[in-house]
Amino acid sequence: MKAVPKHYYLFSLILLIVLWGCRGELDPEPQITEPETAKKTYQNMVVGYSQIGAESEWRTGNTASIQKAAENLGVELIFSDAQQKQENQIKAIRTFIAQQVDVIGVSPIVETGWESVFQEAKDAGIPIILVDRRADVPEDLYATYIGSDFVEEGRKAARVMADLLDGKGNIVELVGTVDSAPANDRYTGFREILLDYPEMKIIASESADFTRAKGQEVMQEFLEQYGDQIDALYAHNDDSAIGAIRAIEDYGLRPGKDIIIVSIDAIRDAFQAMIDGKLNATVECNPLLGPTFFDVAYKVVNEEYVPKWIPSQESIYFPDDAAEILPTRKY
């Protein structure tokens, strides 16, 4: 048997290496990639929304803005009216969690008592957006807050009041819903400014719960107790101020003249009251938050960045411009 030359083995080894290398280039190992998660669209997004109720014209306008924006965008909106009860809001949020909605919007009736149910939503992977009112919870339990700077609204009202009273006078105050964010902050902001006006004093302060009926009732009590000692009224919202106007007229005084009135919200009826000479100023608090809410909800659901607070842009209105502005008001 003839011996195989050594160079033959060397040649065969080189050939095998080349062929194996070519195979690697022509037939690479398949690369495993994670599939991209499809973005949510408005049309396949499900939103749960817990509204406080319908305590005022402001709230009615806020609800209409949320519902109209959902309709325009094609969003499936599951809407719950809490009828002024926090327990109803908590129940609604738990129902939204069970329904596995994509995001929850809530206008908390009061600031406290939310941590447990917000934690439940977080554990279920459902982000919460606070709308109009804040909740006293850790920041990691909600995605963002959309709404006003209520402390600044109180400051604005006090500055206007100081101008109208020339820095001197007795003031009665109609506070909003006890423990609600706007009531707490409007109370605080107003008093911050009064520190600079020692001759302006709040002689009585009581909750009117943001309603006309309660505003009328409480103002009647103030008038019975203090009568013509009252120089001015600071109302935490226009509805309670309008109720107070009725009480002032029933008492035989002229609202806007005998008693200066400054309130907050800038609803249509406040403009009419200014036209009628019964209200001296209203500080705007914008309820038309629907488009912003759904824009933010889309970003949150798709894990896009949103700031922790998205403030509203707002003004102060006076009787001189009320007739011109009224026809343009949407709430």
C-alpha atoms as a PDB file:
ATOM      1  CA  MET A   1       0.000   0.000   0.000  1.00  0.00           C
ATOM      2  CA  LYS A   2       1.391   3.360  -1.089  1.00  0.00           C
ATOM      3  CA  ALA A   3       1.814   5.957   1.683  1.00  0.00           C
ATOM      4  CA  VAL A   4      -0.290   9.122   1.452  1.00  0.00           C
ATOM      5  CA  PRO A   5       1.892  12.205   1.137  1.00  0.00           C
ATOM      6  CA  LYS A   6       1.885  14.532   4.188  1.00  0.00           C
ATOM      7  CA  HIS A   7       1.013  17.529   2.007  1.00  0.00           C
ATOM      8  CA  TYR A   8      -2.293  15.812   1.105  1.00  0.00           C
ATOM      9  CA  TYR A   9      -3.416  15.822   4.751  1.00  0.00           C
ATOM     10  CA  LEU A  10      -2.422  19.452   5.104  1.00  0.00           C
ATOM     11  CA  PHE A  11      -4.349  20.384   1.971  1.00  0.00           C
ATOM     12  CA  SER A  12      -7.467  18.507   3.221  1.00  0.00           C
ATOM     13  CA  LEU A  13      -7.344  20.264   6.596  1.00  0.00           C
ATOM     14  CA  ILE A  14      -7.090  23.690   4.958  1.00  0.00           C
ATOM     15  CA  LEU A  15     -10.026  22.833   2.659  1.00  0.00           C
ATOM     16  CA  LEU A  16     -12.226  21.826   5.609  1.00  0.00           C
ATOM     17  CA  ILE A  17     -11.421  25.060   7.457  1.00  0.00           C
ATOM     18  CA  VAL A  18     -12.260  27.168   4.388  1.00  0.00           C
ATOM     19  CA  LEU A  19     -15.500  25.303   3.753  1.00  0.00           C
ATOM     20  CA  TRP A  20     -16.547  25.666   7.412  1.00  0.00           C
ATOM     21  CA  GLY A  21     -15.786  29.373   7.300  1.00  0.00           C
ATOM     22  CA  CYS A  22     -17.844  29.795   4.137  1.00  0.00           C
ATOM     23  CA  ARG A  23     -20.726  27.931   5.728  1.00  0.00           C
ATOM     24  CA  GLY A  24     -20.619  30.344   8.662  1.00  0.00           C
ATOM     25  CA  GLU A  25     -20.873  33.328   6.319  1.00  0.00           C
ATOM     26  CA  LEU A  26     -23.631  31.857   4.171  1.00  0.00           C
ATOM     27  CA  ASP A  27     -25.691  30.348   6.956  1.00  0.00           C
ATOM     28  CA  PRO A  28     -25.327  32.509  10.081  1.00  0.00           C
ATOM     29  CA  GLU A  29     -26.988  31.631  13.361  1.00  0.00           C
ATOM     30  CA  PRO A  30     -30.460  33.275  13.493  1.00  0.00           C
ATOM     31  CA  GLN A  31     -30.580  36.421  15.673  1.00  0.00           C
ATOM     32  CA  ILE A  32     -33.396  36.422  18.279  1.00  0.00           C
ATOM     33  CA  THR A  33     -34.940  39.893  18.746  1.00  0.00           C
ATOM     34  CA  GLU A  34     -37.708  40.963  21.049  1.00  0.00           C
ATOM     35  CA  PRO A  35     -40.842  42.033  19.140  1.00  0.00           C
ATOM     36  CA  GLU A  36     -41.676  45.737  19.474  1.00  0.00           C
ATOM     37  CA  THR A  37     -44.760  46.463  21.556  1.00  0.00           C
ATOM     38  CA  ALA A  38     -47.328  48.185  19.376  1.00  0.00           C
ATOM     39  CA  LYS A  39     -48.253  51.667  20.516  1.00  0.00           C
ATOM     40  CA  LYS A  40     -51.728  52.273  21.829  1.00  0.00           C
ATOM     41  CA  THR A  41     -53.895  54.527  19.705  1.00  0.00           C
ATOM     42  CA  TYR A  42     -56.809  56.631  20.825  1.00  0.00           C
ATOM     43  CA  GLN A  43     -59.137  54.156  19.121  1.00  0.00           C
ATOM     44  CA  ASN A  44     -57.944  51.129  21.120  1.00  0.00           C
ATOM     45  CA  MET A  45     -57.357  52.903  24.411  1.00  0.00           C
ATOM     46  CA  VAL A  46     -59.779  52.336  27.318  1.00  0.00           C
ATOM     47  CA  VAL A  47     -59.949  55.108  29.915  1.00  0.00           C
ATOM     48  CA  GLY A  48     -61.692  55.050  33.281  1.00  0.00           C
ATOM     49  CA  TYR A  49     -62.636  58.443  34.710  1.00  0.00           C
ATOM     50  CA  SER A  50     -63.926  59.142  38.227  1.00  0.00           C
ATOM     51  CA  GLN A  51     -65.622  62.535  38.434  1.00  0.00           C
ATOM     52  CA  ILE A  52     -66.595  64.231  41.687  1.00  0.00           C
ATOM     53  CA  GLY A  53     -70.172  64.979  40.684  1.00  0.00           C
ATOM     54  CA  ALA A  54     -72.037  68.026  39.397  1.00  0.00           C
ATOM     55  CA  GLU A  55     -71.783  70.438  42.315  1.00  0.00           C
ATOM     56  CA  SER A  56     -71.251  73.546  40.191  1.00  0.00           C
ATOM     57  CA  GLU A  57     -71.369  75.010  36.702  1.00  0.00           C
ATOM     58  CA  TRP A  58     -67.580  74.672  36.660  1.00  0.00           C
ATOM     59  CA  ARG A  59     -67.826  70.924  37.249  1.00  0.00           C
ATOM     60  CA  THR A  60     -70.506  70.562  34.589  1.00  0.00           C
ATOM     61  CA  GLY A  61     -68.208  72.294  32.102  1.00  0.00           C
ATOM     62  CA  ASN A  62     -65.306  70.067  33.158  1.00  0.00           C
ATOM     63  CA  THR A  63     -67.346  66.897  32.614  1.00  0.00           C
ATOM     64  CA  ALA A  64     -68.564  68.083  29.217  1.00  0.00           C
ATOM     65  CA  SER A  65     -64.971  68.799  28.166  1.00  0.00           C
ATOM     66  CA  ILE A  66     -63.809  65.284  29.160  1.00  0.00           C
ATOM     67  CA  GLN A  67     -66.706  63.537  27.438  1.00  0.00           C
ATOM     68  CA  LYS A  68     -66.562  65.634  24.266  1.00  0.00           C
ATOM     69  CA  ALA A  69     -62.819  65.112  23.863  1.00  0.00           C
ATOM     70  CA  ALA A  70     -63.259  61.332  24.232  1.00  0.00           C
ATOM     71  CA  GLU A  71     -65.986  61.358  21.588  1.00  0.00           C
ATOM     72  CA  ASN A  72     -63.913  63.425  19.165  1.00  0.00           C
ATOM     73  CA  LEU A  73     -60.874  61.157  19.543  1.00  0.00           C
ATOM     74  CA  GLY A  74     -62.725  57.863  19.462  1.00  0.00           C
ATOM     75  CA  VAL A  75     -61.550  56.878  22.946  1.00  0.00           C
ATOM     76  CA  GLU A  76     -63.555  54.317  24.902  1.00  0.00           C
ATOM     77  CA  LEU A  77     -64.403  56.261  28.070  1.00  0.00           C
ATOM     78  CA  ILE A  78     -65.873  54.566  31.141  1.00  0.00           C
ATOM     79  CA  PHE A  79     -67.215  57.503  33.143  1.00  0.00           C
ATOM     80  CA  SER A  80     -68.310  57.428  36.788  1.00  0.00           C
ATOM     81  CA  ASP A  81     -70.111  60.227  38.672  1.00  0.00           C
ATOM     82  CA  ALA A  82     -69.319  59.939  42.399  1.00  0.00           C
ATOM     83  CA  GLN A  83     -72.171  62.231  43.489  1.00  0.00           C
ATOM     84  CA  GLN A  84     -69.903  64.071  45.940  1.00  0.00           C
ATOM     85  CA  LYS A  85     -68.849  60.930  47.832  1.00  0.00           C
ATOM     86  CA  GLN A  86     -65.240  59.774  48.144  1.00  0.00           C
ATOM     87  CA  GLU A  87     -66.319  56.188  48.793  1.00  0.00           C
ATOM     88  CA  ASN A  88     -67.991  56.171  45.378  1.00  0.00           C
ATOM     89  CA  GLN A  89     -64.759  57.340  43.750  1.00  0.00           C
ATOM     90  CA  ILE A  90     -62.734  54.625  45.471  1.00  0.00           C
ATOM     91  CA  LYS A  91     -65.284  52.012  44.403  1.00  0.00           C
ATOM     92  CA  ALA A  92     -65.136  53.286  40.810  1.00  0.00           C
ATOM     93  CA  ILE A  93     -61.331  53.101  40.721  1.00  0.00           C
ATOM     94  CA  ARG A  94     -61.437  49.498  41.948  1.00  0.00           C
ATOM     95  CA  THR A  95     -63.975  48.708  39.242  1.00  0.00           C
ATOM     96  CA  PHE A  96     -61.684  50.250  36.613  1.00  0.00           C
ATOM     97  CA  ILE A  97     -58.836  48.086  37.897  1.00  0.00           C
ATOM     98  CA  ALA A  98     -61.005  44.971  37.599  1.00  0.00           C
ATOM     99  CA  GLN A  99     -61.938  46.019  34.053  1.00  0.00           C
ATOM    100  CA  GLN A 100     -58.218  46.357  33.224  1.00  0.00           C
ATOM    101  CA  VAL A 101     -58.516  49.827  31.703  1.00  0.00           C
ATOM    102  CA  ASP A 102     -55.360  51.352  30.228  1.00  0.00           C
ATOM    103  CA  VAL A 103     -55.334  54.489  32.373  1.00  0.00           C
ATOM    104  CA  ILE A 104     -57.441  56.078  35.119  1.00  0.00           C
ATOM    105  CA  GLY A 105     -58.313  59.760  35.429  1.00  0.00           C
ATOM    106  CA  VAL A 106     -59.651  61.069  38.724  1.00  0.00           C
ATOM    107  CA  SER A 107     -60.656  64.420  40.201  1.00  0.00           C
ATOM    108  CA  PRO A 108     -60.300  63.654  43.930  1.00  0.00           C
ATOM    109  CA  ILE A 109     -63.093  65.136  46.010  1.00  0.00           C
ATOM    110  CA  VAL A 110     -60.678  65.559  48.958  1.00  0.00           C
ATOM    111  CA  GLU A 111     -56.898  65.304  49.248  1.00  0.00           C
ATOM    112  CA  THR A 112     -56.568  62.476  51.767  1.00  0.00           C
ATOM    113  CA  GLY A 113     -57.543  58.802  51.850  1.00  0.00           C
ATOM    114  CA  TRP A 114     -56.263  57.670  48.427  1.00  0.00           C
ATOM    115  CA  GLU A 115     -53.013  55.856  49.072  1.00  0.00           C
ATOM    116  CA  SER A 116     -54.406  52.303  49.310  1.00  0.00           C
ATOM    117  CA  VAL A 117     -56.502  52.374  46.146  1.00  0.00           C
ATOM    118  CA  PHE A 118     -53.794  54.204  44.174  1.00  0.00           C
ATOM    119  CA  GLN A 119     -51.339  51.504  45.252  1.00  0.00           C
ATOM    120  CA  GLU A 120     -53.786  48.881  43.983  1.00  0.00           C
ATOM    121  CA  ALA A 121     -53.821  50.593  40.583  1.00  0.00           C
ATOM    122  CA  LYS A 122     -50.028  50.767  40.520  1.00  0.00           C
ATOM    123  CA  ASP A 123     -49.754  47.079  41.407  1.00  0.00           C
ATOM    124  CA  ALA A 124     -52.091  46.323  38.498  1.00  0.00           C
ATOM    125  CA  GLY A 125     -49.875  48.352  36.149  1.00  0.00           C
ATOM    126  CA  ILE A 126     -52.541  51.020  35.541  1.00  0.00           C
ATOM    127  CA  PRO A 127     -51.301  54.659  35.710  1.00  0.00           C
ATOM    128  CA  ILE A 128     -53.403  57.327  37.421  1.00  0.00           C
ATOM    129  CA  ILE A 129     -53.715  60.915  36.204  1.00  0.00           C
ATOM    130  CA  LEU A 130     -54.976  63.539  38.651  1.00  0.00           C
ATOM    131  CA  VAL A 131     -57.223  66.113  36.982  1.00  0.00           C
ATOM    132  CA  ASP A 132     -58.195  69.469  38.539  1.00  0.00           C
ATOM    133  CA  ARG A 133     -57.495  68.344  42.111  1.00  0.00           C
ATOM    134  CA  ARG A 134     -54.447  66.823  43.745  1.00  0.00           C
ATOM    135  CA  ALA A 135     -54.277  63.889  46.152  1.00  0.00           C
ATOM    136  CA  ASP A 136     -51.996  63.703  49.182  1.00  0.00           C
ATOM    137  CA  VAL A 137     -50.064  60.593  48.124  1.00  0.00           C
ATOM    138  CA  PRO A 138     -46.433  59.807  47.233  1.00  0.00           C
ATOM    139  CA  GLU A 139     -45.521  60.984  43.728  1.00  0.00           C
ATOM    140  CA  ASP A 140     -44.811  57.464  42.514  1.00  0.00           C
ATOM    141  CA  LEU A 141     -48.508  56.594  42.889  1.00  0.00           C
ATOM    142  CA  TYR A 142     -49.659  58.900  40.083  1.00  0.00           C
ATOM    143  CA  ALA A 143     -48.334  59.805  36.650  1.00  0.00           C
ATOM    144  CA  THR A 144     -49.066  63.547  36.631  1.00  0.00           C
ATOM    145  CA  TYR A 145     -51.391  66.280  37.851  1.00  0.00           C
ATOM    146  CA  ILE A 146     -53.249  68.444  35.301  1.00  0.00           C
ATOM    147  CA  GLY A 147     -54.737  71.598  36.764  1.00  0.00           C
ATOM    148  CA  SER A 148     -54.470  74.964  38.407  1.00  0.00           C
ATOM    149  CA  ASP A 149     -52.220  76.538  40.989  1.00  0.00           C
ATOM    150  CA  PHE A 150     -54.906  77.006  43.645  1.00  0.00           C
ATOM    151  CA  VAL A 151     -52.597  78.839  46.031  1.00  0.00           C
ATOM    152  CA  GLU A 152     -51.899  81.427  43.347  1.00  0.00           C
ATOM    153  CA  GLU A 153     -55.637  81.753  42.692  1.00  0.00           C
ATOM    154  CA  GLY A 154     -56.070  82.663  46.354  1.00  0.00           C
ATOM    155  CA  ARG A 155     -53.234  85.172  46.090  1.00  0.00           C
ATOM    156  CA  LYS A 156     -54.783  86.755  42.996  1.00  0.00           C
ATOM    157  CA  ALA A 157     -58.160  87.077  44.743  1.00  0.00           C
ATOM    158  CA  ALA A 158     -56.510  88.768  47.744  1.00  0.00           C
ATOM    159  CA  ARG A 159     -54.557  91.226  45.596  1.00  0.00           C
ATOM    160  CA  VAL A 160     -57.739  92.207  43.762  1.00  0.00           C
ATOM    161  CA  MET A 161     -59.607  92.519  47.063  1.00  0.00           C
ATOM    162  CA  ALA A 162     -56.881  94.742  48.506  1.00  0.00           C
ATOM    163  CA  ASP A 163     -57.188  97.073  45.510  1.00  0.00           C
ATOM    164  CA  LEU A 164     -60.991  97.196  45.726  1.00  0.00           C
ATOM    165  CA  LEU A 165     -60.958  97.898  49.488  1.00  0.00           C
ATOM    166  CA  ASP A 166     -57.946 100.224  49.457  1.00  0.00           C
ATOM    167  CA  GLY A 167     -56.285  97.865  51.903  1.00  0.00           C
ATOM    168  CA  LYS A 168     -58.886  98.179  54.651  1.00  0.00           C
ATOM    169  CA  GLY A 169     -62.058  96.250  55.558  1.00  0.00           C
ATOM    170  CA  ASN A 170     -63.841  93.286  57.148  1.00  0.00           C
ATOM    171  CA  ILE A 171     -64.077  90.200  54.961  1.00  0.00           C
ATOM    172  CA  VAL A 172     -66.218  87.076  55.213  1.00  0.00           C
ATOM    173  CA  GLU A 173     -65.121  83.923  53.412  1.00  0.00           C
ATOM    174  CA  LEU A 174     -67.073  81.126  51.764  1.00  0.00           C
ATOM    175  CA  VAL A 175     -64.682  78.164  51.756  1.00  0.00           C
ATOM    176  CA  GLY A 176     -64.967  75.255  49.316  1.00  0.00           C
ATOM    177  CA  THR A 177     -65.382  71.588  50.185  1.00  0.00           C
ATOM    178  CA  VAL A 178     -63.539  70.845  53.429  1.00  0.00           C
ATOM    179  CA  ASP A 179     -60.169  69.093  52.859  1.00  0.00           C
ATOM    180  CA  SER A 180     -60.310  69.531  49.085  1.00  0.00           C
ATOM    181  CA  ALA A 181     -57.167  70.799  47.362  1.00  0.00           C
ATOM    182  CA  PRO A 182     -58.721  74.015  45.986  1.00  0.00           C
ATOM    183  CA  ALA A 183     -60.325  74.894  49.321  1.00  0.00           C
ATOM    184  CA  ASN A 184     -57.114  74.296  51.271  1.00  0.00           C
ATOM    185  CA  ASP A 185     -54.923  76.201  48.835  1.00  0.00           C
ATOM    186  CA  ARG A 186     -57.261  79.118  48.103  1.00  0.00           C
ATOM    187  CA  TYR A 187     -57.583  79.576  51.868  1.00  0.00           C
ATOM    188  CA  THR A 188     -53.790  79.611  52.246  1.00  0.00           C
ATOM    189  CA  GLY A 189     -52.991  81.825  49.249  1.00  0.00           C
ATOM    190  CA  PHE A 190     -55.494  84.512  50.256  1.00  0.00           C
ATOM    191  CA  ARG A 191     -54.054  84.746  53.757  1.00  0.00           C
ATOM    192  CA  GLU A 192     -50.488  84.976  52.458  1.00  0.00           C
ATOM    193  CA  ILE A 193     -51.310  88.298  50.792  1.00  0.00           C
ATOM    194  CA  LEU A 194     -53.331  89.596  53.747  1.00  0.00           C
ATOM    195  CA  LEU A 195     -50.154  89.521  55.830  1.00  0.00           C
ATOM    196  CA  ASP A 196     -49.203  92.706  53.970  1.00  0.00           C
ATOM    197  CA  TYR A 197     -52.552  94.367  54.793  1.00  0.00           C
ATOM    198  CA  PRO A 198     -53.046  94.463  58.590  1.00  0.00           C
ATOM    199  CA  GLU A 199     -56.250  96.516  58.241  1.00  0.00           C
ATOM    200  CA  MET A 200     -57.931  93.813  56.123  1.00  0.00           C
ATOM    201  CA  LYS A 201     -59.395  91.156  58.415  1.00  0.00           C
ATOM    202  CA  ILE A 202     -61.341  87.936  57.846  1.00  0.00           C
ATOM    203  CA  ILE A 203     -64.076  88.095  60.476  1.00  0.00           C
ATOM    204  CA  ALA A 204     -65.864  84.861  59.515  1.00  0.00           C
ATOM    205  CA  SER A 205     -65.010  81.801  57.441  1.00  0.00           C
ATOM    206  CA  GLU A 206     -67.173  78.757  56.758  1.00  0.00           C
ATOM    207  CA  SER A 207     -67.525  76.050  54.116  1.00  0.00           C
ATOM    208  CA  ALA A 208     -70.157  76.539  51.434  1.00  0.00           C
ATOM    209  CA  ASP A 209     -69.134  73.264  49.740  1.00  0.00           C
ATOM    210  CA  PHE A 210     -68.758  74.983  46.335  1.00  0.00           C
ATOM    211  CA  THR A 211     -72.573  75.121  45.903  1.00  0.00           C
ATOM    212  CA  ARG A 212     -75.080  77.934  45.364  1.00  0.00           C
ATOM    213  CA  ALA A 213     -77.520  76.640  47.958  1.00  0.00           C
ATOM    214  CA  LYS A 214     -74.879  76.431  50.669  1.00  0.00           C
ATOM    215  CA  GLY A 215     -73.412  79.780  49.635  1.00  0.00           C
ATOM    216  CA  GLN A 216     -76.793  81.421  50.134  1.00  0.00           C
ATOM    217  CA  GLU A 217     -77.333  79.658  53.469  1.00  0.00           C
ATOM    218  CA  VAL A 218     -73.932  80.521  54.956  1.00  0.00           C
ATOM    219  CA  MET A 219     -74.006  84.121  53.719  1.00  0.00           C
ATOM    220  CA  GLN A 220     -77.398  84.564  55.343  1.00  0.00           C
ATOM    221  CA  GLU A 221     -75.863  83.385  58.636  1.00  0.00           C
ATOM    222  CA  PHE A 222     -72.959  85.830  58.232  1.00  0.00           C
ATOM    223  CA  LEU A 223     -75.373  88.709  57.607  1.00  0.00           C
ATOM    224  CA  GLU A 224     -77.499  87.811  60.615  1.00  0.00           C
ATOM    225  CA  GLN A 225     -74.403  87.791  62.817  1.00  0.00           C
ATOM    226  CA  TYR A 226     -72.390  90.695  61.391  1.00  0.00           C
ATOM    227  CA  GLY A 227     -74.820  92.732  59.280  1.00  0.00           C
ATOM    228  CA  ASP A 228     -73.364  95.964  57.937  1.00  0.00           C
ATOM    229  CA  GLN A 229     -69.970  95.234  59.525  1.00  0.00           C
ATOM    230  CA  ILE A 230     -69.224  93.161  56.411  1.00  0.00           C
ATOM    231  CA  ASP A 231     -67.298  95.105  53.776  1.00  0.00           C
ATOM    232  CA  ALA A 232     -66.436  92.281  51.412  1.00  0.00           C
ATOM    233  CA  LEU A 233     -66.969  88.635  50.536  1.00  0.00           C
ATOM    234  CA  TYR A 234     -64.268  86.252  49.309  1.00  0.00           C
ATOM    235  CA  ALA A 235     -65.884  83.148  47.766  1.00  0.00           C
ATOM    236  CA  HIS A 236     -63.803  80.116  46.793  1.00  0.00           C
ATOM    237  CA  ASN A 237     -65.942  79.671  43.690  1.00  0.00           C
ATOM    238  CA  ASP A 238     -68.465  81.575  41.603  1.00  0.00           C
ATOM    239  CA  ASP A 239     -71.400  79.305  42.427  1.00  0.00           C
ATOM    240  CA  SER A 240     -71.157  79.961  46.153  1.00  0.00           C
ATOM    241  CA  ALA A 241     -70.768  83.688  45.398  1.00  0.00           C
ATOM    242  CA  ILE A 242     -73.949  83.643  43.293  1.00  0.00           C
ATOM    243  CA  GLY A 243     -75.796  81.974  46.152  1.00  0.00           C
ATOM    244  CA  ALA A 244     -74.411  84.652  48.489  1.00  0.00           C
ATOM    245  CA  ILE A 245     -75.619  87.395  46.150  1.00  0.00           C
ATOM    246  CA  ARG A 246     -79.193  86.158  46.659  1.00  0.00           C
ATOM    247  CA  ALA A 247     -78.753  86.276  50.442  1.00  0.00           C
ATOM    248  CA  ILE A 248     -77.315  89.813  50.304  1.00  0.00           C
ATOM    249  CA  GLU A 249     -80.230  91.027  48.202  1.00  0.00           C
ATOM    250  CA  ASP A 250     -82.740  89.318  50.510  1.00  0.00           C
ATOM    251  CA  TYR A 251     -81.070  91.119  53.420  1.00  0.00           C
ATOM    252  CA  GLY A 252     -81.635  94.460  51.697  1.00  0.00           C
ATOM    253  CA  LEU A 253     -78.040  95.264  50.712  1.00  0.00           C
ATOM    254  CA  ARG A 254     -76.538  95.714  47.249  1.00  0.00           C
ATOM    255  CA  PRO A 255     -74.048  93.017  46.234  1.00  0.00           C
ATOM    256  CA  GLY A 256     -71.047  94.484  44.443  1.00  0.00           C
ATOM    257  CA  LYS A 257     -71.618  97.882  46.082  1.00  0.00           C
ATOM    258  CA  ASP A 258     -72.482  97.595  49.757  1.00  0.00           C
ATOM    259  CA  ILE A 259     -70.512  94.358  49.901  1.00  0.00           C
ATOM    260  CA  ILE A 260     -67.573  93.924  47.517  1.00  0.00           C
ATOM    261  CA  ILE A 261     -67.411  90.382  46.096  1.00  0.00           C
ATOM    262  CA  VAL A 262     -64.432  88.531  44.605  1.00  0.00           C
ATOM    263  CA  SER A 263     -64.731  84.876  43.625  1.00  0.00           C
ATOM    264  CA  ILE A 264     -62.947  82.187  41.614  1.00  0.00           C
ATOM    265  CA  ASP A 265     -63.754  80.138  38.475  1.00  0.00           C
ATOM    266  CA  ALA A 266     -64.914  82.637  35.798  1.00  0.00           C
ATOM    267  CA  ILE A 267     -68.062  80.755  34.765  1.00  0.00           C
ATOM    268  CA  ARG A 268     -70.594  82.375  32.436  1.00  0.00           C
ATOM    269  CA  ASP A 269     -72.952  83.250  35.289  1.00  0.00           C
ATOM    270  CA  ALA A 270     -70.128  85.162  36.981  1.00  0.00           C
ATOM    271  CA  PHE A 271     -69.753  87.311  33.863  1.00  0.00           C
ATOM    272  CA  GLN A 272     -73.478  88.001  33.915  1.00  0.00           C
ATOM    273  CA  ALA A 273     -73.250  88.934  37.591  1.00  0.00           C
ATOM    274  CA  MET A 274     -70.452  91.381  36.753  1.00  0.00           C
ATOM    275  CA  ILE A 275     -72.523  92.868  33.925  1.00  0.00           C
ATOM    276  CA  ASP A 276     -75.375  93.305  36.429  1.00  0.00           C
ATOM    277  CA  GLY A 277     -73.004  95.071  38.840  1.00  0.00           C
ATOM    278  CA  LYS A 278     -73.296  92.361  41.510  1.00  0.00           C
ATOM    279  CA  LEU A 279     -69.801  90.824  41.322  1.00  0.00           C
ATOM    280  CA  ASN A 280     -66.564  92.826  41.342  1.00  0.00           C
ATOM    281  CA  ALA A 281     -64.069  90.299  39.962  1.00  0.00           C
ATOM    282  CA  THR A 282     -63.593  86.629  39.186  1.00  0.00           C
ATOM    283  CA  VAL A 283     -60.296  84.745  39.052  1.00  0.00           C
ATOM    284  CA  GLU A 284     -60.226  82.168  36.287  1.00  0.00           C
ATOM    285  CA  CYS A 285     -59.903  78.440  36.966  1.00  0.00           C
ATOM    286  CA  ASN A 286     -60.076  76.668  33.617  1.00  0.00           C
ATOM    287  CA  PRO A 287     -62.257  73.501  33.555  1.00  0.00           C
ATOM    288  CA  LEU A 288     -61.784  72.716  29.861  1.00  0.00           C
ATOM    289  CA  LEU A 289     -59.167  70.044  30.518  1.00  0.00           C
ATOM    290  CA  GLY A 290     -60.498  67.257  28.276  1.00  0.00           C
ATOM    291  CA  PRO A 291     -58.138  67.657  25.291  1.00  0.00           C
ATOM    292  CA  THR A 292     -55.102  67.992  27.562  1.00  0.00           C
ATOM    293  CA  PHE A 293     -56.166  64.987  29.625  1.00  0.00           C
ATOM    294  CA  PHE A 294     -56.408  62.646  26.645  1.00  0.00           C
ATOM    295  CA  ASP A 295     -53.183  63.941  25.111  1.00  0.00           C
ATOM    296  CA  VAL A 296     -51.422  63.195  28.392  1.00  0.00           C
ATOM    297  CA  ALA A 297     -53.215  59.841  28.787  1.00  0.00           C
ATOM    298  CA  TYR A 298     -51.949  58.774  25.346  1.00  0.00           C
ATOM    299  CA  LYS A 299     -48.378  59.655  26.312  1.00  0.00           C
ATOM    300  CA  VAL A 300     -48.592  57.952  29.699  1.00  0.00           C
ATOM    301  CA  VAL A 301     -50.047  54.732  28.282  1.00  0.00           C
ATOM    302  CA  ASN A 302     -47.286  54.654  25.663  1.00  0.00           C
ATOM    303  CA  GLU A 303     -44.641  55.321  28.324  1.00  0.00           C
ATOM    304  CA  GLU A 304     -43.663  58.722  26.973  1.00  0.00           C
ATOM    305  CA  TYR A 305     -42.337  61.435  29.278  1.00  0.00           C
ATOM    306  CA  VAL A 306     -44.801  63.805  30.938  1.00  0.00           C
ATOM    307  CA  PRO A 307     -43.966  66.375  33.660  1.00  0.00           C
ATOM    308  CA  LYS A 308     -45.324  65.782  37.156  1.00  0.00           C
ATOM    309  CA  TRP A 309     -47.512  68.894  36.933  1.00  0.00           C
ATOM    310  CA  ILE A 310     -49.147  70.396  33.849  1.00  0.00           C
ATOM    311  CA  PRO A 311     -50.490  73.821  34.936  1.00  0.00           C
ATOM    312  CA  SER A 312     -53.467  75.621  33.414  1.00  0.00           C
ATOM    313  CA  GLN A 313     -53.170  79.099  31.895  1.00  0.00           C
ATOM    314  CA  GLU A 314     -55.636  81.493  33.553  1.00  0.00           C
ATOM    315  CA  SER A 315     -56.637  85.168  33.857  1.00  0.00           C
ATOM    316  CA  ILE A 316     -58.551  87.615  36.074  1.00  0.00           C
ATOM    317  CA  TYR A 317     -61.746  89.261  34.809  1.00  0.00           C
ATOM    318  CA  PHE A 318     -63.498  92.499  35.786  1.00  0.00           C
ATOM    319  CA  PRO A 319     -66.898  94.105  35.043  1.00  0.00           C
ATOM    320  CA  ASP A 320     -65.521  96.524  32.429  1.00  0.00           C
ATOM    321  CA  ASP A 321     -64.860  93.712  29.937  1.00  0.00           C
ATOM    322  CA  ALA A 322     -67.563  91.259  31.003  1.00  0.00           C
ATOM    323  CA  ALA A 323     -70.137  92.113  28.329  1.00  0.00           C
ATOM    324  CA  GLU A 324     -67.589  91.726  25.553  1.00  0.00           C
ATOM    325  CA  ILE A 325     -66.142  88.477  26.890  1.00  0.00           C
ATOM    326  CA  LEU A 326     -69.336  86.685  27.936  1.00  0.00           C
ATOM    327  CA  PRO A 327     -70.341  85.508  24.414  1.00  0.00           C
ATOM    328  CA  THR A 328     -66.964  83.782  24.048  1.00  0.00           C
ATOM    329  CA  ARG A 329     -67.157  81.778  27.280  1.00  0.00           C
ATOM    330  CA  LYS A 330     -67.608  78.036  26.870  1.00  0.00           C
ATOM    331  CA  TYR A 331     -68.639  77.265  30.444  1.00  0.00           C
END
